[in-house]
C-alpha atoms as a PDB file:
ATOM      1  CA  MET A   1      21.366  -0.611  52.693  1.00  0.00           C
ATOM      2  CA  LYS A   2      18.542   2.163  51.678  1.00  0.00           C
ATOM      3  CA  ASN A   3      20.656   3.457  49.515  1.00  0.00           C
ATOM      4  CA  LYS A   4      21.426   0.533  47.532  1.00  0.00           C
ATOM      5  CA  ILE A   5      18.110  -0.148  46.978  1.00  0.00           C
ATOM      6  CA  TYR A   6      17.460   3.835  45.849  1.00  0.00           C
ATOM      7  CA  ILE A   7      20.466   3.006  43.458  1.00  0.00           C
ATOM      8  CA  ILE A   8      18.587  -0.008  42.016  1.00  0.00           C
ATOM      9  CA  ILE A   9      15.281   1.393  41.669  1.00  0.00           C
ATOM     10  CA  THR A  10      17.139   4.494  40.026  1.00  0.00           C
ATOM     11  CA  ILE A  11      18.759   2.468  37.544  1.00  0.00           C
ATOM     12  CA  PHE A  12      15.726   0.139  36.901  1.00  0.00           C
ATOM     13  CA  CYS A  13      13.947   3.260  35.848  1.00  0.00           C
ATOM     14  CA  PHE A  14      16.649   4.868  33.671  1.00  0.00           C
ATOM     15  CA  LEU A  15      16.767   1.730  31.835  1.00  0.00           C
ATOM     16  CA  LEU A  16      12.952   1.191  31.696  1.00  0.00           C
ATOM     17  CA  THR A  17      12.293   4.531  30.452  1.00  0.00           C
ATOM     18  CA  GLY A  18      15.038   4.157  28.092  1.00  0.00           C
ATOM     19  CA  CYS A  19      13.460   0.731  26.704  1.00  0.00           C
ATOM     20  CA  LEU A  20      10.162   2.437  26.343  1.00  0.00           C
ATOM     21  CA  LYS A  21      11.221   5.194  24.168  1.00  0.00           C
ATOM     22  CA  LYS A  22       8.414   6.514  22.106  1.00  0.00           C
ATOM     23  CA  GLU A  23       8.684   6.079  18.618  1.00  0.00           C
ATOM     24  CA  SER A  24       9.800   9.328  16.051  1.00  0.00           C
ATOM     25  CA  PRO A  25       7.998   9.965  13.426  1.00  0.00           C
ATOM     26  CA  THR A  26      10.599   8.631  10.832  1.00  0.00           C
ATOM     27  CA  THR A  27       9.776   5.108  12.608  1.00  0.00           C
ATOM     28  CA  VAL A  28       6.517   5.383  12.373  1.00  0.00           C
ATOM     29  CA  VAL A  29       6.755   6.214   8.420  1.00  0.00           C
ATOM     30  CA  SER A  30       9.017   3.634   8.072  1.00  0.00           C
ATOM     31  CA  LYS A  31       6.762   1.057   9.950  1.00  0.00           C
ATOM     32  CA  TYR A  32       3.921   1.926   7.642  1.00  0.00           C
ATOM     33  CA  LEU A  33       5.766   1.451   4.375  1.00  0.00           C
ATOM     34  CA  ASP A  34       7.451  -1.646   5.714  1.00  0.00           C
ATOM     35  CA  SER A  35       3.984  -3.565   6.101  1.00  0.00           C
ATOM     36  CA  TYR A  36       3.918  -2.836   2.187  1.00  0.00           C
ATOM     37  CA  ILE A  37       6.802  -4.372   1.252  1.00  0.00           C
ATOM     38  CA  LYS A  38       6.365  -7.118   3.962  1.00  0.00           C
ATOM     39  CA  LEU A  39       2.776  -7.684   3.189  1.00  0.00           C
ATOM     40  CA  ASP A  40       1.440  -7.656   6.318  1.00  0.00           C
ATOM     41  CA  ASP A  41      -2.264  -9.056   7.090  1.00  0.00           C
ATOM     42  CA  PHE A  42      -3.880  -5.645   6.499  1.00  0.00           C
ATOM     43  CA  ILE A  43      -1.999  -4.951   3.429  1.00  0.00           C
ATOM     44  CA  ILE A  44      -3.355  -8.338   1.973  1.00  0.00           C
ATOM     45  CA  LYS A  45      -6.768  -7.931   3.522  1.00  0.00           C
ATOM     46  CA  GLU A  46      -6.559  -4.668   1.333  1.00  0.00           C
ATOM     47  CA  ILE A  47      -5.314  -6.298  -1.489  1.00  0.00           C
ATOM     48  CA  ASN A  48      -8.193  -8.686  -1.860  1.00  0.00           C
ATOM     49  CA  ARG A  49     -11.154  -6.246  -0.968  1.00  0.00           C
ATOM     50  CA  VAL A  50      -9.565  -3.678  -3.909  1.00  0.00           C
ATOM     51  CA  ILE A  51      -9.956  -6.864  -6.198  1.00  0.00           C
ATOM     52  CA  ASP A  52     -13.247  -8.221  -5.180  1.00  0.00           C
ATOM     53  CA  GLU A  53     -14.790  -4.835  -5.488  1.00  0.00           C
ATOM     54  CA  ASN A  54     -13.699  -4.583  -8.825  1.00  0.00           C
ATOM     55  CA  ASP A  55     -16.522  -5.407 -11.162  1.00  0.00           C
ATOM     56  CA  GLU A  56     -14.791  -5.184 -14.628  1.00  0.00           C
ATOM     57  CA  PHE A  57     -12.509  -8.321 -13.275  1.00  0.00           C
ATOM     58  CA  ASN A  58     -13.425 -12.132 -14.571  1.00  0.00           C
ATOM     59  CA  GLU A  59     -11.520 -14.676 -12.012  1.00  0.00           C
ATOM     60  CA  GLU A  60      -8.571 -14.592 -14.158  1.00  0.00           C
ATOM     61  CA  HIS A  61      -7.993 -11.426 -13.956  1.00  0.00           C
ATOM     62  CA  LYS A  62      -8.380 -10.990 -10.622  1.00  0.00           C
ATOM     63  CA  SER A  63      -5.557 -13.822  -9.847  1.00  0.00           C
ATOM     64  CA  ILE A  64      -3.397 -11.680 -12.318  1.00  0.00           C
ATOM     65  CA  TYR A  65      -3.941  -8.525 -10.606  1.00  0.00           C
ATOM     66  CA  LYS A  66      -3.166  -9.744  -7.322  1.00  0.00           C
ATOM     67  CA  GLU A  67       0.119 -10.958  -8.428  1.00  0.00           C
ATOM     68  CA  ILE A  68       0.787  -7.450  -9.394  1.00  0.00           C
ATOM     69  CA  LEU A  69       0.032  -5.898  -6.380  1.00  0.00           C
ATOM     70  CA  ILE A  70       2.009  -8.063  -4.234  1.00  0.00           C
ATOM     71  CA  ASN A  71       4.602  -7.986  -6.604  1.00  0.00           C
ATOM     72  CA  GLN A  72       4.832  -3.991  -6.510  1.00  0.00           C
ATOM     73  CA  TYR A  73       4.810  -3.685  -2.777  1.00  0.00           C
ATOM     74  CA  LYS A  74       7.519  -6.477  -2.706  1.00  0.00           C
ATOM     75  CA  SER A  75       9.549  -4.273  -4.777  1.00  0.00           C
ATOM     76  CA  LEU A  76       8.838  -0.945  -2.840  1.00  0.00           C
ATOM     77  CA  LYS A  77      12.116   0.486  -2.125  1.00  0.00           C
ATOM     78  CA  TYR A  78      12.466   3.612   0.441  1.00  0.00           C
ATOM     79  CA  VAL A  79      14.771   6.526   1.678  1.00  0.00           C
ATOM     80  CA  VAL A  80      13.921   8.850   4.586  1.00  0.00           C
ATOM     81  CA  LEU A  81      15.009  12.140   3.345  1.00  0.00           C
ATOM     82  CA  ASP A  82      14.112  14.338   6.399  1.00  0.00           C
ATOM     83  CA  GLU A  83      12.128  14.681   9.034  1.00  0.00           C
ATOM     84  CA  GLU A  84      10.779  17.914  10.533  1.00  0.00           C
ATOM     85  CA  ILE A  85       9.052  18.181  14.004  1.00  0.00           C
ATOM     86  CA  ASP A  86       7.347  21.094  15.240  1.00  0.00           C
ATOM     87  CA  GLY A  87       5.789  20.647  18.353  1.00  0.00           C
ATOM     88  CA  ASN A  88       2.876  18.438  17.890  1.00  0.00           C
ATOM     89  CA  ASN A  89       3.055  18.273  14.591  1.00  0.00           C
ATOM     90  CA  ALA A  90       5.786  16.424  12.013  1.00  0.00           C
ATOM     91  CA  LEU A  91       6.295  15.598   8.554  1.00  0.00           C
ATOM     92  CA  VAL A  92       8.552  13.040   7.374  1.00  0.00           C
ATOM     93  CA  ARG A  93       9.692  13.515   3.524  1.00  0.00           C
ATOM     94  CA  VAL A  94      10.365  10.415   1.785  1.00  0.00           C
ATOM     95  CA  ASN A  95      11.678   9.227  -1.837  1.00  0.00           C
ATOM     96  CA  ILE A  96      10.348   5.949  -3.187  1.00  0.00           C
ATOM     97  CA  THR A  97      10.621   3.779  -6.146  1.00  0.00           C
ATOM     98  CA  VAL A  98       8.073   1.953  -7.336  1.00  0.00           C
ATOM     99  CA  ASN A  99       7.298  -0.276 -10.621  1.00  0.00           C
ATOM    100  CA  ASP A 100       6.015   2.279 -13.067  1.00  0.00           C
ATOM    101  CA  LEU A 101       2.449   0.697 -13.927  1.00  0.00           C
ATOM    102  CA  ASN A 102       1.211   3.609 -15.154  1.00  0.00           C
ATOM    103  CA  ILE A 103       3.223   3.581 -18.394  1.00  0.00           C
ATOM    104  CA  ALA A 104       2.123   0.341 -18.778  1.00  0.00           C
ATOM    105  CA  GLU A 105      -1.448   1.209 -18.811  1.00  0.00           C
ATOM    106  CA  GLU A 106      -0.535   3.975 -21.147  1.00  0.00           C
ATOM    107  CA  ASN A 107       1.139   1.896 -23.466  1.00  0.00           C
ATOM    108  CA  ALA A 108      -1.496  -0.651 -23.568  1.00  0.00           C
ATOM    109  CA  PHE A 109      -4.241   1.800 -24.230  1.00  0.00           C
ATOM    110  CA  ASN A 110      -2.103   3.465 -26.936  1.00  0.00           C
ATOM    111  CA  TYR A 111      -1.529   0.037 -28.350  1.00  0.00           C
ATOM    112  CA  VAL A 112      -4.914  -1.018 -28.160  1.00  0.00           C
ATOM    113  CA  SER A 113      -5.879   2.530 -29.968  1.00  0.00           C
ATOM    114  CA  LYS A 114      -3.489   1.924 -32.873  1.00  0.00           C
ATOM    115  CA  ASN A 115      -4.593  -1.674 -32.840  1.00  0.00           C
ATOM    116  CA  LEU A 116      -8.681  -1.246 -32.670  1.00  0.00           C
ATOM    117  CA  LYS A 117      -9.869  -3.911 -35.231  1.00  0.00           C
ATOM    118  CA  ASN A 118      -7.876  -6.487 -32.784  1.00  0.00           C
ATOM    119  CA  TYR A 119     -10.423  -5.666 -30.100  1.00  0.00           C
ATOM    120  CA  TYR A 120     -13.699  -6.372 -31.870  1.00  0.00           C
ATOM    121  CA  ASN A 121     -15.450  -9.623 -31.795  1.00  0.00           C
ATOM    122  CA  ASP A 122     -17.502 -10.875 -34.607  1.00  0.00           C
ATOM    123  CA  LYS A 123     -20.664  -9.058 -33.908  1.00  0.00           C
ATOM    124  CA  ASN A 124     -18.822  -5.954 -33.837  1.00  0.00           C
ATOM    125  CA  GLU A 125     -18.659  -5.632 -29.931  1.00  0.00           C
ATOM    126  CA  PHE A 126     -15.698  -4.181 -28.355  1.00  0.00           C
ATOM    127  CA  ASP A 127     -13.631  -7.124 -26.333  1.00  0.00           C
ATOM    128  CA  ASN A 128     -13.320  -5.360 -23.213  1.00  0.00           C
ATOM    129  CA  ASN A 129     -11.764  -8.660 -21.340  1.00  0.00           C
ATOM    130  CA  LYS A 130      -9.285  -8.905 -23.912  1.00  0.00           C
ATOM    131  CA  TYR A 131      -8.327  -5.589 -23.258  1.00  0.00           C
ATOM    132  CA  ILE A 132      -7.938  -5.897 -19.883  1.00  0.00           C
ATOM    133  CA  THR A 133      -5.963  -9.009 -20.059  1.00  0.00           C
ATOM    134  CA  ASP A 134      -3.428  -7.423 -21.851  1.00  0.00           C
ATOM    135  CA  LYS A 135      -3.364  -4.585 -20.139  1.00  0.00           C
ATOM    136  CA  LEU A 136      -2.961  -6.412 -16.839  1.00  0.00           C
ATOM    137  CA  ASN A 137       0.058  -8.427 -18.605  1.00  0.00           C
ATOM    138  CA  ALA A 138       1.841  -5.158 -19.536  1.00  0.00           C
ATOM    139  CA  MET A 139       1.739  -4.243 -15.858  1.00  0.00           C
ATOM    140  CA  LYS A 140       2.610  -7.991 -14.720  1.00  0.00           C
ATOM    141  CA  ASN A 141       5.589  -7.371 -17.259  1.00  0.00           C
ATOM    142  CA  VAL A 142       6.722  -4.016 -16.496  1.00  0.00           C
ATOM    143  CA  ASN A 143      10.482  -3.679 -16.309  1.00  0.00           C
ATOM    144  CA  GLU A 144      10.296   0.787 -15.433  1.00  0.00           C
ATOM    145  CA  ARG A 145      10.690   2.014 -12.374  1.00  0.00           C
ATOM    146  CA  LYS A 146       9.894   5.331 -10.913  1.00  0.00           C
ATOM    147  CA  ASP A 147      10.773   7.354  -8.105  1.00  0.00           C
ATOM    148  CA  TYR A 148       8.227   9.775  -6.487  1.00  0.00           C
ATOM    149  CA  GLU A 149       8.523  12.012  -3.154  1.00  0.00           C
ATOM    150  CA  ILE A 150       6.144  11.711  -0.407  1.00  0.00           C
ATOM    151  CA  ILE A 151       5.290  13.883   2.694  1.00  0.00           C
ATOM    152  CA  PHE A 152       3.589  11.912   5.472  1.00  0.00           C
ATOM    153  CA  TYR A 153       2.247  14.244   8.078  1.00  0.00           C
ATOM    154  CA  LEU A 154       2.213  13.298  11.434  1.00  0.00           C
ATOM    155  CA  GLU A 155       0.248  14.390  14.947  1.00  0.00           C
ATOM    156  CA  LYS A 156       1.494  13.584  18.670  1.00  0.00           C
ATOM    157  CA  LYS A 157      -1.190  12.626  20.764  1.00  0.00           C
ATOM    158  CA  ASN A 158      -0.352  11.329  24.185  1.00  0.00           C
ATOM    159  CA  ASN A 159       2.858  11.579  23.945  1.00  0.00           C
ATOM    160  CA  GLU A 160       2.882   9.181  20.648  1.00  0.00           C
ATOM    161  CA  TRP A 161       3.576  10.114  17.102  1.00  0.00           C
ATOM    162  CA  PHE A 162       0.224   9.175  14.445  1.00  0.00           C
ATOM    163  CA  MET A 163       0.600   9.463  10.935  1.00  0.00           C
ATOM    164  CA  HIS A 164      -2.599  10.996   8.774  1.00  0.00           C
ATOM    165  CA  ASP A 165      -3.741   8.980   5.831  1.00  0.00           C
ATOM    166  CA  PRO A 166      -1.918   9.463   3.080  1.00  0.00           C
ATOM    167  CA  THR A 167      -3.614  11.414   0.170  1.00  0.00           C
ATOM    168  CA  ASP A 168      -5.256   9.427  -2.761  1.00  0.00           C
ATOM    169  CA  GLU A 169      -2.342  11.286  -4.700  1.00  0.00           C
ATOM    170  CA  ASP A 170       0.363   9.664  -2.615  1.00  0.00           C
ATOM    171  CA  LEU A 171      -1.248   6.412  -2.376  1.00  0.00           C
ATOM    172  CA  GLU A 172      -1.625   6.387  -6.155  1.00  0.00           C
ATOM    173  CA  LYS A 173       2.461   6.977  -6.094  1.00  0.00           C
ATOM    174  CA  ILE A 174       3.009   3.968  -3.509  1.00  0.00           C
ATOM    175  CA  HIS A 175       0.833   2.079  -6.175  1.00  0.00           C
ATOM    176  CA  GLY A 176       2.641   3.057  -9.085  1.00  0.00           C
ATOM    177  CA  ILE A 177      -0.196   4.296 -11.015  1.00  0.00           C
ATOM    178  CA  TYR A 178       0.359   8.533 -10.381  1.00  0.00           C
ATOM    179  CA  ARG A 179      -0.231  10.311 -13.702  1.00  0.00           C
ATOM    180  CA  GLU A 180       1.748  13.088 -13.364  1.00  0.00           C
ATOM    181  CA  LYS A 181      -0.373  16.846 -13.858  1.00  0.00           C
END
């Protein structure tokens, strides 16, 4: 009887530890990127915060920009290229594909530069609202996609992997506004 109890306890412990398997660095990064694609609550809050902090946007601009960001994140695609673990440090190299909002911004700027007279009102003042509207519409209608490689860095603490905050450059890639230097 004691042997059966020990066997049952051993099997239970084996199953329990198998079920409690810790996440790999790749899983942590995938969950992070999936939070954009799924528009988790945190992502929606960040979208709203970014939009609310923009002093140049009127209410119509805010609505259009929110739509752009939501579309950007929902259409994000990624492929994990590899994972390297060195003790308590790891890196996960990922290829992402996003809408190229940067090219839309550049095209809008170039258009305005060549058609400045269309952006001045009767008082000979530059109409920034018209420029922002045209730029946002170009971003909303962008068809070009861009691939970027991002390396995510992780650290193991208390037997769990934690991702370091992405760099500003990496966030610009995720947002599709990265300008190659």
